[in-house]
Protein backbone atom coordinates (compact mmCIF):
# COMPACT_ATOMS: atom_id res chain seq x y z
CA MET A 1 18.02 11.65 -30.29
CA SER A 2 17.10 15.22 -29.32
CA MET A 3 17.30 16.12 -25.69
CA PRO A 4 14.18 17.33 -23.86
CA ASP A 5 13.96 20.94 -22.80
CA VAL A 6 15.45 21.79 -19.43
CA ILE A 7 14.77 25.02 -17.60
CA ALA A 8 16.38 26.35 -14.46
CA PRO A 9 13.62 26.17 -11.85
CA SER A 10 13.09 29.00 -9.39
CA PRO A 11 14.70 28.36 -6.00
CA ASN A 12 12.93 25.56 -4.15
CA ILE A 13 10.29 25.03 -6.87
CA THR A 14 10.45 21.45 -8.11
CA LEU A 15 7.09 21.02 -9.89
CA GLN A 16 5.42 23.49 -12.22
CA ALA A 17 2.17 23.14 -14.15
CA ARG A 18 1.06 25.77 -16.64
CA GLY A 19 -2.41 25.85 -18.20
CA VAL A 20 -2.97 22.11 -17.75
CA SER A 21 -6.25 20.71 -19.03
CA LYS A 22 -7.40 17.11 -19.29
CA ALA A 23 -10.60 15.46 -20.45
CA PHE A 24 -11.68 11.86 -20.80
CA VAL A 25 -13.58 10.87 -23.94
CA SER A 26 -16.07 8.01 -24.23
CA GLY A 27 -17.66 7.83 -27.65
CA ARG A 28 -19.10 11.29 -28.30
CA LEU A 29 -19.07 12.21 -24.63
CA ARG A 30 -16.22 14.44 -23.50
CA SER A 31 -15.84 14.90 -19.74
CA PRO A 32 -13.47 17.69 -18.60
CA VAL A 33 -11.40 16.69 -15.56
CA LEU A 34 -8.82 19.50 -15.28
CA GLN A 35 -9.43 23.00 -16.59
CA ASP A 36 -6.57 25.41 -17.35
CA LEU A 37 -4.83 24.63 -14.06
CA SER A 38 -1.51 26.18 -13.01
CA LEU A 39 0.52 25.68 -9.84
CA GLU A 40 4.02 25.48 -8.39
CA VAL A 41 5.11 22.98 -5.72
CA HIS A 42 8.11 23.47 -3.41
CA ALA A 43 10.77 21.19 -1.99
CA GLY A 44 10.90 20.51 1.74
CA GLU A 45 7.14 20.74 2.14
CA LEU A 46 4.14 18.44 2.38
CA THR A 47 1.60 19.83 -0.06
CA LEU A 48 -1.90 18.41 0.27
CA ILE A 49 -4.38 18.51 -2.60
CA SER A 50 -7.81 18.11 -1.04
CA GLY A 51 -11.29 17.91 -2.45
CA PRO A 52 -14.25 15.59 -3.00
CA SER A 53 -14.04 12.40 -5.04
CA GLY A 54 -14.14 13.14 -8.75
CA CYS A 55 -12.73 16.68 -8.48
CA GLY A 56 -9.63 15.78 -10.54
CA LYS A 57 -7.00 15.62 -7.81
CA SER A 58 -5.77 12.09 -8.64
CA THR A 59 -5.62 12.97 -12.33
CA LEU A 60 -3.55 16.03 -11.47
CA LEU A 61 -1.17 13.90 -9.39
CA SER A 62 -0.84 11.45 -12.26
CA ILE A 63 0.01 14.24 -14.71
CA LEU A 64 2.50 15.92 -12.37
CA SER A 65 4.27 12.59 -11.85
CA GLY A 66 4.44 11.80 -15.57
CA LEU A 67 2.06 8.85 -15.48
CA GLN A 68 -0.35 10.71 -17.78
CA SER A 69 0.02 13.55 -20.26
CA PRO A 70 -2.20 16.65 -20.28
CA ASP A 71 -4.31 17.48 -23.31
CA THR A 72 -3.02 21.05 -23.19
CA GLY A 73 -0.50 22.89 -21.05
CA SER A 74 2.92 21.91 -19.76
CA VAL A 75 4.54 20.29 -16.72
CA HIS A 76 8.12 20.74 -15.58
CA ALA A 77 9.56 18.44 -12.90
CA LEU A 78 13.01 19.23 -11.49
CA GLY A 79 13.44 21.63 -14.40
CA MET A 80 12.64 18.95 -17.00
CA ALA A 81 9.76 19.33 -19.46
CA LEU A 82 7.89 16.03 -19.10
CA SER A 83 6.27 16.46 -22.52
CA GLY A 84 9.75 16.38 -24.05
CA LEU A 85 10.49 12.90 -22.71
CA ASN A 86 9.76 9.76 -24.69
CA ARG A 87 8.42 6.67 -22.93
CA ARG A 88 11.83 5.29 -22.07
CA GLN A 89 13.09 8.63 -20.77
CA THR A 90 9.93 9.08 -18.70
CA GLU A 91 10.36 5.66 -17.10
CA HIS A 92 14.01 6.45 -16.33
CA PHE A 93 13.04 9.82 -14.82
CA ARG A 94 10.45 8.21 -12.54
CA LEU A 95 12.87 5.47 -11.50
CA GLN A 96 15.65 7.89 -10.62
CA HIS A 97 13.73 10.80 -9.12
CA THR A 98 10.27 9.79 -7.89
CA GLY A 99 8.60 7.61 -5.29
CA PHE A 100 4.94 6.58 -5.11
CA VAL A 101 2.64 5.61 -2.24
CA PHE A 102 -0.88 4.36 -2.96
CA GLN A 103 -3.87 3.50 -0.81
CA GLY A 104 -3.66 -0.22 -1.65
CA PHE A 105 -0.12 -0.82 -0.25
CA ASN A 106 0.82 -3.05 -3.25
CA LEU A 107 2.85 -5.51 -1.17
CA PHE A 108 3.83 -9.05 -2.17
CA PRO A 109 2.40 -11.65 0.26
CA ALA A 110 5.47 -13.91 0.16
CA LEU A 111 8.05 -11.21 0.92
CA ASN A 112 8.89 -9.81 4.33
CA ALA A 113 9.06 -6.06 4.91
CA LEU A 114 12.80 -5.85 4.27
CA GLU A 115 12.50 -7.76 1.00
CA GLN A 116 9.58 -5.54 -0.10
CA VAL A 117 11.75 -2.44 0.30
CA GLU A 118 14.82 -4.02 -1.32
CA LEU A 119 12.94 -5.09 -4.45
CA PRO A 120 12.81 -1.80 -6.43
CA LEU A 121 16.36 -0.88 -5.41
CA GLY A 122 17.66 -3.61 -7.70
CA TYR A 123 16.55 -1.55 -10.70
CA LEU A 124 18.82 1.30 -9.57
CA GLY A 125 21.91 -0.86 -10.02
CA LEU A 126 22.89 -0.82 -6.34
CA ASP A 127 25.02 -3.61 -4.95
CA ARG A 128 23.64 -6.03 -2.37
CA THR A 129 25.26 -4.30 0.61
CA GLU A 130 23.94 -0.84 -0.28
CA THR A 131 20.51 -2.26 -1.09
CA ARG A 132 20.28 -3.92 2.32
CA ARG A 133 21.58 -0.80 4.09
CA ARG A 134 19.09 1.53 2.42
CA ALA A 135 16.15 -0.82 2.95
CA ALA A 136 16.90 -1.34 6.64
CA ALA A 137 17.50 2.37 7.24
CA SER A 138 14.20 3.30 5.60
CA LEU A 139 12.26 0.80 7.70
CA GLU A 140 13.95 2.12 10.83
CA GLU A 141 12.98 5.64 9.83
CA VAL A 142 9.26 4.75 9.63
CA GLY A 143 9.42 2.89 12.94
CA LEU A 144 9.43 -0.67 11.62
CA GLY A 145 12.98 -1.72 12.44
CA PRO A 146 11.89 -4.45 14.90
CA ARG A 147 9.30 -5.80 12.43
CA MET A 148 11.26 -5.77 9.18
CA HIS A 149 11.32 -9.57 8.94
CA LEU A 150 7.53 -9.94 9.09
CA ARG A 151 5.33 -10.59 6.06
CA PRO A 152 2.23 -8.53 5.18
CA ALA A 153 -0.16 -11.01 6.83
CA GLU A 154 1.63 -10.36 10.13
CA LEU A 155 1.38 -6.55 9.86
CA SER A 156 -1.47 -4.15 10.57
CA GLY A 157 -2.86 -1.85 7.89
CA GLY A 158 -0.87 1.08 9.21
CA GLU A 159 2.30 -0.99 9.26
CA LYS A 160 1.72 -2.12 5.68
CA GLN A 161 1.45 1.49 4.57
CA ARG A 162 4.67 2.29 6.45
CA VAL A 163 6.39 -0.50 4.48
CA ALA A 164 5.09 1.10 1.28
CA ILE A 165 6.45 4.48 2.36
CA ALA A 166 9.83 2.92 3.27
CA ARG A 167 9.93 1.29 -0.17
CA ALA A 168 9.51 4.68 -1.82
CA LEU A 169 11.86 6.43 0.63
CA ALA A 170 14.71 3.95 0.08
CA LYS A 171 15.09 5.23 -3.48
CA GLU A 172 15.97 8.64 -1.99
CA PRO A 173 13.53 10.40 -4.35
CA GLU A 174 13.40 14.16 -4.80
CA LEU A 175 9.67 13.85 -5.58
CA LEU A 176 7.34 11.71 -3.48
CA PHE A 177 3.72 11.29 -4.61
CA ALA A 178 1.01 9.86 -2.35
CA ASP A 179 -2.47 9.06 -3.68
CA GLU A 180 -5.05 8.66 -0.89
CA PRO A 181 -2.45 7.06 1.43
CA THR A 182 -4.75 7.04 4.48
CA SER A 183 -8.12 6.11 2.99
CA ALA A 184 -7.84 2.46 4.05
CA LEU A 185 -6.73 3.33 7.61
CA ASP A 186 -8.39 4.38 10.84
CA ALA A 187 -7.90 7.89 12.22
CA ALA A 188 -4.89 7.12 14.41
CA ASN A 189 -2.97 5.25 11.71
CA GLY A 190 -3.94 7.86 9.13
CA GLN A 191 -2.46 10.63 11.26
CA THR A 192 0.72 8.61 11.77
CA ILE A 193 1.12 8.11 8.01
CA ILE A 194 0.66 11.77 7.14
CA GLY A 195 3.03 12.68 9.97
CA ILE A 196 5.69 10.40 8.47
CA LEU A 197 5.23 12.00 5.05
CA HIS A 198 5.59 15.45 6.58
CA THR A 199 8.76 14.41 8.39
CA ILE A 200 10.22 13.05 5.14
CA ALA A 201 9.63 16.41 3.45
CA ARG A 202 11.37 18.27 6.28
CA THR A 203 14.31 15.98 6.96
CA HIS A 204 15.10 14.91 3.38
CA GLY A 205 14.21 18.17 1.65
CA ALA A 206 11.91 16.18 -0.62
CA THR A 207 8.85 17.46 -2.44
CA VAL A 208 5.94 15.49 -1.00
CA LEU A 209 2.64 15.86 -2.86
CA CYS A 210 -0.35 14.09 -1.37
CA VAL A 211 -3.95 13.92 -2.59
CA SER A 212 -6.77 13.04 -0.23
CA HIS A 213 -10.43 13.75 0.43
CA ASP A 214 -9.84 13.20 4.18
CA PRO A 215 -10.25 16.58 5.98
CA ARG A 216 -8.34 15.27 9.01
CA LEU A 217 -5.09 15.52 7.08
CA VAL A 218 -5.28 19.29 6.62
CA ALA A 219 -3.69 19.94 10.04
CA HIS A 220 -0.57 17.98 9.03
CA ALA A 221 0.18 19.78 5.75
CA ASP A 222 2.44 22.77 5.14
CA ARG A 223 0.21 23.85 2.27
CA VAL A 224 -3.33 22.91 1.27
CA LEU A 225 -4.71 23.24 -2.26
CA ALA A 226 -8.49 22.81 -2.33
CA MET A 227 -9.87 21.51 -5.63
CA GLU A 228 -13.34 21.34 -7.07
CA ASP A 229 -14.51 20.58 -10.62
CA GLY A 230 -11.00 20.46 -12.02
CA ARG A 231 -9.87 23.81 -10.63
CA ILE A 232 -7.93 25.00 -7.59
CA LEU A 233 -10.31 27.06 -5.46
CA SER A 234 -7.93 28.02 -2.68
CA ASP A 235 -4.25 27.84 -1.77
CA ARG A 236 -3.54 28.05 1.96
CA ARG A 237 -0.16 27.87 3.66
CA ARG A 238 0.17 27.05 7.34
CA ASP A 239 2.64 28.43 9.86
CA ALA A 240 5.30 25.70 10.26
CA THR A 241 5.07 26.03 14.04
CA HIS A 242 1.45 24.88 13.93
CA VAL A 243 1.84 21.84 11.69
CA ALA A 244 1.13 18.66 13.63
CA SER A 245 3.60 15.81 13.25
CA PRO A 246 2.82 12.86 15.52
CA GLU A 247 5.57 10.64 16.83
CA ILE A 248 6.20 7.36 15.06
CA SER A 249 5.77 4.31 17.22
CA SER A 250 7.10 0.90 16.34
C-alpha cells in the first residue's frame, strides 16, 4: 500500500486548503458551494468561520476535517494530504487526531456524563484506568466535575454541550472542529461554550475551528473568517488581550 503524501507544515500551521471548490449536483442542476477557496489555520487559536446560513461554512468544515472531499483543490491536515488517504486511513486519522462538537449534543440518554466521555476512548485502546482518568479530568476542565454522574435528562442544554466538548477533549486531539455549537443555547450558555473552546485552544495548543452564524461569538475568537457565497470575504485577527473568555461555572 502506498503511503499518502506528507509535507512539513509551516510553523504553527496545522490546516491548509488550496483552491478548494465543491458543488452539489441534483439531476442536471449543479449548485456551487465553495469556490476556489484557500486558507491556513493555526494551532493554539480559536478560529471562527462566520456567515449566513447556506454560505458554505459547514461544508468547508466538513472538508477540512476529512468528512467530505473537495471536487478540486487540496487539503493538508497536520502535514498530511487528506486526498491521499483511503477510507480506513481517513477514519484512523480522525480517531487519533480530531475531535468534533455539534449543535445537537449527540448524547446517549441511558449514560451518565462520565460514561458519555469514556465511550469513544475505548476505540483508542486505552486501559480502564486511563480511560476513567481522562474522562474525569475533561469533565472537571469544563466545570462539570460535580455533575459527572448525571444523565442527559438531568442536565441543562449548556451542560449537555459541555459534556460533548469534554468527550472530544478527552481524546487529546490536535484538531477540534465545532459546527454551530451554540445555536441551541441561550446567550449566556453560548458565551460559556465559546469561552471553553477558546481556553482549550490556548491551554492545550490545539487548533480549534468553529463555524457559526451567531455574531455574538465574534468577540471570543482569535481570528474571524467571514464567508459569503462560498468565498472568504474577510480575515480579521483580534488582539489576544481583547479576546473575551468567560469563567466556567459548575
